[in-house]
Amino acid sequence: MAVTLSDKAATHIGNFIAKRGKGVGIRLGVRTSGCSGMAYKLEFADEVLPEDVVFESHGLKVMIDPKSLPYMDGTELDFVREGLNEGFKFNNPNVKDQCGCGESFTV
């Protein structure tokens, strides 16, 4: 099992942590939400929690709660610019369908 960061995502996260002046990485997960059933959670983390499953990618820690890991195994977190918009994009091979707005998904 693994979750990774793209080069662009790692650069963006590293720059953000440097600006904040603290942080050990990023915490990812899923929650029940949206019209397709699940939505991603993403937050910057200042510490590793005892329950976290930790992966290293580009020198950064990627932390995931054990319940979310089966839904995110093999996912790459990317950072993309599309026109005037920019943000994180989850490239998740487990997704079977997602809603029209792209905010939620089904595995």
N, C-alpha and C. Protein backbone atom coordinates (compact mmCIF):
# COMPACT_ATOMS: atom_id res chain seq x y z
N MET A 1 0.85 -1.19 0.00
CA MET A 1 0.00 0.00 0.00
C MET A 1 0.88 1.24 0.00
N ALA A 2 0.47 2.23 -0.77
CA ALA A 2 1.25 3.46 -0.82
C ALA A 2 0.39 4.61 -1.33
N VAL A 3 0.70 5.79 -0.86
CA VAL A 3 0.13 7.03 -1.35
C VAL A 3 1.32 7.97 -1.58
N THR A 4 1.36 8.62 -2.76
CA THR A 4 2.52 9.42 -3.13
C THR A 4 2.11 10.84 -3.52
N LEU A 5 3.13 11.68 -3.64
CA LEU A 5 2.97 13.06 -4.10
C LEU A 5 3.65 13.20 -5.45
N SER A 6 3.06 14.00 -6.34
CA SER A 6 3.75 14.35 -7.58
C SER A 6 4.82 15.38 -7.24
N ASP A 7 5.72 15.64 -8.18
CA ASP A 7 6.74 16.67 -7.98
C ASP A 7 6.11 18.02 -7.66
N LYS A 8 5.06 18.38 -8.43
CA LYS A 8 4.41 19.68 -8.23
C LYS A 8 3.72 19.77 -6.86
N ALA A 9 3.07 18.69 -6.45
CA ALA A 9 2.40 18.69 -5.14
C ALA A 9 3.44 18.79 -4.02
N ALA A 10 4.53 18.05 -4.14
CA ALA A 10 5.58 18.09 -3.12
C ALA A 10 6.18 19.49 -3.02
N THR A 11 6.41 20.13 -4.15
CA THR A 11 6.95 21.50 -4.14
C THR A 11 5.98 22.45 -3.47
N HIS A 12 4.69 22.36 -3.82
CA HIS A 12 3.68 23.25 -3.23
C HIS A 12 3.57 23.03 -1.72
N ILE A 13 3.53 21.78 -1.29
CA ILE A 13 3.41 21.47 0.14
C ILE A 13 4.66 21.93 0.88
N GLY A 14 5.84 21.65 0.33
CA GLY A 14 7.09 22.08 0.96
C GLY A 14 7.16 23.60 1.12
N ASN A 15 6.76 24.34 0.07
CA ASN A 15 6.76 25.80 0.13
C ASN A 15 5.77 26.31 1.18
N PHE A 16 4.60 25.68 1.26
CA PHE A 16 3.59 26.11 2.23
C PHE A 16 4.07 25.87 3.66
N ILE A 17 4.66 24.71 3.90
CA ILE A 17 5.18 24.41 5.24
C ILE A 17 6.29 25.40 5.60
N ALA A 18 7.16 25.72 4.65
CA ALA A 18 8.24 26.69 4.90
C ALA A 18 7.66 28.07 5.25
N LYS A 19 6.63 28.51 4.53
CA LYS A 19 5.99 29.80 4.83
C LYS A 19 5.34 29.79 6.21
N ARG A 20 4.70 28.67 6.56
CA ARG A 20 4.04 28.54 7.87
C ARG A 20 5.06 28.55 8.99
N GLY A 21 6.23 28.02 8.70
CA GLY A 21 7.27 27.94 9.72
C GLY A 21 7.15 26.72 10.61
N LYS A 22 6.21 25.84 10.30
CA LYS A 22 6.06 24.61 11.08
C LYS A 22 5.27 23.61 10.24
N GLY A 23 5.36 22.34 10.65
CA GLY A 23 4.62 21.29 9.97
C GLY A 23 5.53 20.13 9.60
N VAL A 24 4.95 18.94 9.58
CA VAL A 24 5.72 17.74 9.24
C VAL A 24 5.27 17.13 7.92
N GLY A 25 4.14 17.57 7.40
CA GLY A 25 3.64 17.01 6.16
C GLY A 25 2.18 17.29 5.97
N ILE A 26 1.52 16.36 5.28
CA ILE A 26 0.12 16.53 4.95
C ILE A 26 -0.66 15.29 5.39
N ARG A 27 -1.87 15.51 5.89
CA ARG A 27 -2.72 14.42 6.33
C ARG A 27 -3.89 14.31 5.35
N LEU A 28 -4.10 13.10 4.83
CA LEU A 28 -5.15 12.85 3.86
C LEU A 28 -6.14 11.83 4.43
N GLY A 29 -7.35 11.85 3.91
CA GLY A 29 -8.35 10.89 4.31
C GLY A 29 -9.59 11.02 3.47
N VAL A 30 -10.58 10.21 3.78
CA VAL A 30 -11.88 10.29 3.11
C VAL A 30 -12.96 10.39 4.18
N ARG A 31 -14.07 10.97 3.79
CA ARG A 31 -15.22 11.07 4.68
C ARG A 31 -16.47 10.83 3.86
N THR A 32 -17.55 10.44 4.51
CA THR A 32 -18.82 10.25 3.84
C THR A 32 -19.41 11.62 3.55
N SER A 33 -19.68 11.87 2.26
CA SER A 33 -20.18 13.18 1.88
C SER A 33 -20.52 13.19 0.39
N GLY A 34 -21.25 14.20 -0.02
CA GLY A 34 -21.49 14.44 -1.43
C GLY A 34 -22.50 13.50 -2.05
N CYS A 35 -22.75 13.73 -3.33
CA CYS A 35 -23.77 12.95 -4.02
C CYS A 35 -23.28 11.57 -4.45
N SER A 36 -21.97 11.34 -4.47
CA SER A 36 -21.46 10.02 -4.85
C SER A 36 -21.06 9.17 -3.66
N GLY A 37 -21.00 9.74 -2.47
CA GLY A 37 -20.78 8.94 -1.28
C GLY A 37 -19.56 9.28 -0.46
N MET A 38 -18.43 9.64 -1.09
CA MET A 38 -17.21 9.93 -0.34
C MET A 38 -16.55 11.19 -0.88
N ALA A 39 -15.86 11.89 0.01
CA ALA A 39 -15.10 13.08 -0.38
C ALA A 39 -13.74 13.02 0.32
N TYR A 40 -12.76 13.67 -0.27
CA TYR A 40 -11.41 13.69 0.29
C TYR A 40 -11.29 14.73 1.40
N LYS A 41 -10.43 14.43 2.37
CA LYS A 41 -10.03 15.39 3.40
C LYS A 41 -8.54 15.65 3.19
N LEU A 42 -8.13 16.87 3.39
CA LEU A 42 -6.73 17.25 3.23
C LEU A 42 -6.42 18.36 4.22
N GLU A 43 -5.37 18.18 5.01
CA GLU A 43 -4.96 19.22 5.95
C GLU A 43 -3.45 19.13 6.18
N PHE A 44 -2.86 20.24 6.48
CA PHE A 44 -1.45 20.25 6.83
C PHE A 44 -1.32 19.79 8.26
N ALA A 45 -0.30 19.00 8.53
CA ALA A 45 -0.15 18.38 9.85
C ALA A 45 1.11 18.90 10.54
N ASP A 46 0.97 19.20 11.83
CA ASP A 46 2.10 19.65 12.64
C ASP A 46 2.76 18.51 13.39
N GLU A 47 2.06 17.36 13.47
CA GLU A 47 2.62 16.21 14.16
C GLU A 47 2.04 14.93 13.59
N VAL A 48 2.74 13.85 13.81
CA VAL A 48 2.25 12.52 13.44
C VAL A 48 1.45 11.98 14.61
N LEU A 49 0.21 11.59 14.35
CA LEU A 49 -0.64 11.03 15.39
C LEU A 49 -0.39 9.53 15.52
N PRO A 50 -0.62 8.96 16.69
CA PRO A 50 -0.35 7.52 16.89
C PRO A 50 -1.08 6.62 15.90
N GLU A 51 -2.28 7.01 15.48
CA GLU A 51 -3.05 6.17 14.57
C GLU A 51 -2.70 6.36 13.09
N ASP A 52 -1.88 7.35 12.76
CA ASP A 52 -1.53 7.63 11.37
C ASP A 52 -0.71 6.51 10.74
N VAL A 53 -1.03 6.21 9.48
CA VAL A 53 -0.16 5.39 8.64
C VAL A 53 0.67 6.41 7.85
N VAL A 54 1.99 6.30 7.92
CA VAL A 54 2.86 7.33 7.36
C VAL A 54 3.63 6.80 6.15
N PHE A 55 3.60 7.59 5.07
CA PHE A 55 4.39 7.33 3.88
C PHE A 55 5.33 8.50 3.68
N GLU A 56 6.48 8.26 3.09
CA GLU A 56 7.43 9.33 2.73
C GLU A 56 7.38 9.49 1.22
N SER A 57 7.26 10.73 0.75
CA SER A 57 7.28 11.01 -0.68
C SER A 57 7.97 12.34 -0.89
N HIS A 58 9.04 12.34 -1.67
CA HIS A 58 9.82 13.55 -1.94
C HIS A 58 10.29 14.23 -0.65
N GLY A 59 10.61 13.42 0.36
CA GLY A 59 11.10 13.95 1.62
C GLY A 59 10.03 14.51 2.54
N LEU A 60 8.76 14.35 2.17
CA LEU A 60 7.65 14.84 2.99
C LEU A 60 6.85 13.67 3.52
N LYS A 61 6.24 13.86 4.68
CA LYS A 61 5.39 12.82 5.26
C LYS A 61 3.96 12.98 4.73
N VAL A 62 3.39 11.86 4.32
CA VAL A 62 1.99 11.79 3.91
C VAL A 62 1.32 10.86 4.90
N MET A 63 0.40 11.41 5.70
CA MET A 63 -0.25 10.65 6.77
C MET A 63 -1.70 10.37 6.41
N ILE A 64 -2.13 9.13 6.70
CA ILE A 64 -3.49 8.71 6.39
C ILE A 64 -4.02 7.90 7.56
N ASP A 65 -5.30 8.10 7.88
CA ASP A 65 -5.89 7.29 8.94
C ASP A 65 -6.15 5.89 8.38
N PRO A 66 -6.05 4.86 9.21
CA PRO A 66 -6.18 3.47 8.74
C PRO A 66 -7.50 3.16 8.03
N LYS A 67 -8.60 3.80 8.42
CA LYS A 67 -9.89 3.54 7.79
C LYS A 67 -9.95 4.08 6.36
N SER A 68 -9.21 5.15 6.07
CA SER A 68 -9.21 5.74 4.74
C SER A 68 -8.26 5.03 3.78
N LEU A 69 -7.25 4.37 4.31
CA LEU A 69 -6.21 3.79 3.46
C LEU A 69 -6.73 2.84 2.38
N PRO A 70 -7.66 1.93 2.66
CA PRO A 70 -8.12 1.04 1.58
C PRO A 70 -8.75 1.80 0.40
N TYR A 71 -9.34 2.96 0.66
CA TYR A 71 -9.96 3.74 -0.40
C TYR A 71 -8.94 4.58 -1.18
N MET A 72 -7.75 4.75 -0.59
CA MET A 72 -6.76 5.64 -1.20
C MET A 72 -5.48 4.93 -1.63
N ASP A 73 -5.41 3.63 -1.45
CA ASP A 73 -4.21 2.88 -1.82
C ASP A 73 -3.88 3.12 -3.30
N GLY A 74 -2.65 3.51 -3.57
CA GLY A 74 -2.20 3.75 -4.93
C GLY A 74 -2.45 5.17 -5.43
N THR A 75 -3.01 6.02 -4.60
CA THR A 75 -3.33 7.39 -5.00
C THR A 75 -2.08 8.25 -5.09
N GLU A 76 -2.05 9.10 -6.11
CA GLU A 76 -1.03 10.14 -6.22
C GLU A 76 -1.73 11.48 -6.06
N LEU A 77 -1.22 12.30 -5.15
CA LEU A 77 -1.74 13.65 -4.98
C LEU A 77 -0.94 14.57 -5.88
N ASP A 78 -1.62 15.29 -6.76
CA ASP A 78 -0.97 16.20 -7.70
C ASP A 78 -1.43 17.63 -7.39
N PHE A 79 -0.70 18.60 -7.90
CA PHE A 79 -1.10 20.00 -7.80
C PHE A 79 -1.16 20.53 -9.22
N VAL A 80 -2.35 20.97 -9.63
CA VAL A 80 -2.56 21.35 -11.04
C VAL A 80 -3.09 22.77 -11.16
N ARG A 81 -2.78 23.36 -12.31
CA ARG A 81 -3.34 24.66 -12.70
C ARG A 81 -4.18 24.44 -13.94
N GLU A 82 -5.43 24.85 -13.87
CA GLU A 82 -6.34 24.75 -15.00
C GLU A 82 -6.95 26.12 -15.23
N GLY A 83 -6.46 26.82 -16.23
CA GLY A 83 -6.90 28.19 -16.46
C GLY A 83 -6.46 29.08 -15.31
N LEU A 84 -7.40 29.75 -14.69
CA LEU A 84 -7.10 30.62 -13.55
C LEU A 84 -7.17 29.89 -12.22
N ASN A 85 -7.59 28.64 -12.24
CA ASN A 85 -7.75 27.86 -11.01
C ASN A 85 -6.54 26.97 -10.77
N GLU A 86 -6.23 26.76 -9.51
CA GLU A 86 -5.18 25.83 -9.14
C GLU A 86 -5.60 25.12 -7.86
N GLY A 87 -5.11 23.90 -7.72
CA GLY A 87 -5.45 23.15 -6.52
C GLY A 87 -4.95 21.72 -6.59
N PHE A 88 -5.21 20.98 -5.53
CA PHE A 88 -4.80 19.59 -5.46
C PHE A 88 -5.77 18.72 -6.24
N LYS A 89 -5.21 17.70 -6.87
CA LYS A 89 -6.01 16.73 -7.62
C LYS A 89 -5.59 15.33 -7.16
N PHE A 90 -6.57 14.51 -6.81
CA PHE A 90 -6.31 13.14 -6.37
C PHE A 90 -6.42 12.22 -7.58
N ASN A 91 -5.31 11.58 -7.94
CA ASN A 91 -5.30 10.57 -8.99
C ASN A 91 -5.41 9.21 -8.30
N ASN A 92 -6.66 8.78 -8.13
CA ASN A 92 -6.97 7.60 -7.33
C ASN A 92 -7.43 6.46 -8.24
N PRO A 93 -6.63 5.38 -8.35
CA PRO A 93 -7.01 4.27 -9.23
C PRO A 93 -8.21 3.47 -8.73
N ASN A 94 -8.66 3.69 -7.50
CA ASN A 94 -9.78 2.96 -6.92
C ASN A 94 -11.14 3.55 -7.26
N VAL A 95 -11.16 4.77 -7.78
CA VAL A 95 -12.42 5.46 -8.05
C VAL A 95 -13.15 4.79 -9.21
N LYS A 96 -14.39 4.41 -8.96
CA LYS A 96 -15.23 3.80 -10.00
C LYS A 96 -16.13 4.83 -10.68
N ASP A 97 -16.54 5.85 -9.93
CA ASP A 97 -17.42 6.88 -10.47
C ASP A 97 -17.29 8.12 -9.59
N GLN A 98 -17.55 9.27 -10.17
CA GLN A 98 -17.58 10.50 -9.37
C GLN A 98 -18.71 11.39 -9.85
N CYS A 99 -19.13 12.30 -8.99
CA CYS A 99 -20.25 13.17 -9.33
C CYS A 99 -19.82 14.17 -10.41
N GLY A 100 -20.78 14.82 -11.00
CA GLY A 100 -20.52 15.76 -12.08
C GLY A 100 -19.64 16.92 -11.67
N CYS A 101 -19.72 17.38 -10.44
CA CYS A 101 -18.90 18.50 -9.99
C CYS A 101 -17.50 18.06 -9.59
N GLY A 102 -17.27 16.75 -9.44
CA GLY A 102 -15.95 16.24 -9.09
C GLY A 102 -15.61 16.32 -7.62
N GLU A 103 -16.56 16.66 -6.78
CA GLU A 103 -16.29 16.82 -5.35
C GLU A 103 -16.39 15.52 -4.58
N SER A 104 -17.12 14.54 -5.09
CA SER A 104 -17.26 13.28 -4.36
C SER A 104 -17.10 12.11 -5.33
N PHE A 105 -16.88 10.91 -4.77
CA PHE A 105 -16.58 9.75 -5.59
C PHE A 105 -17.11 8.48 -4.95
N THR A 106 -17.07 7.39 -5.73
CA THR A 106 -17.47 6.05 -5.29
C THR A 106 -16.34 5.10 -5.62
N VAL A 107 -16.06 4.15 -4.72
CA VAL A 107 -15.05 3.12 -5.00
C VAL A 107 -15.73 1.77 -5.15
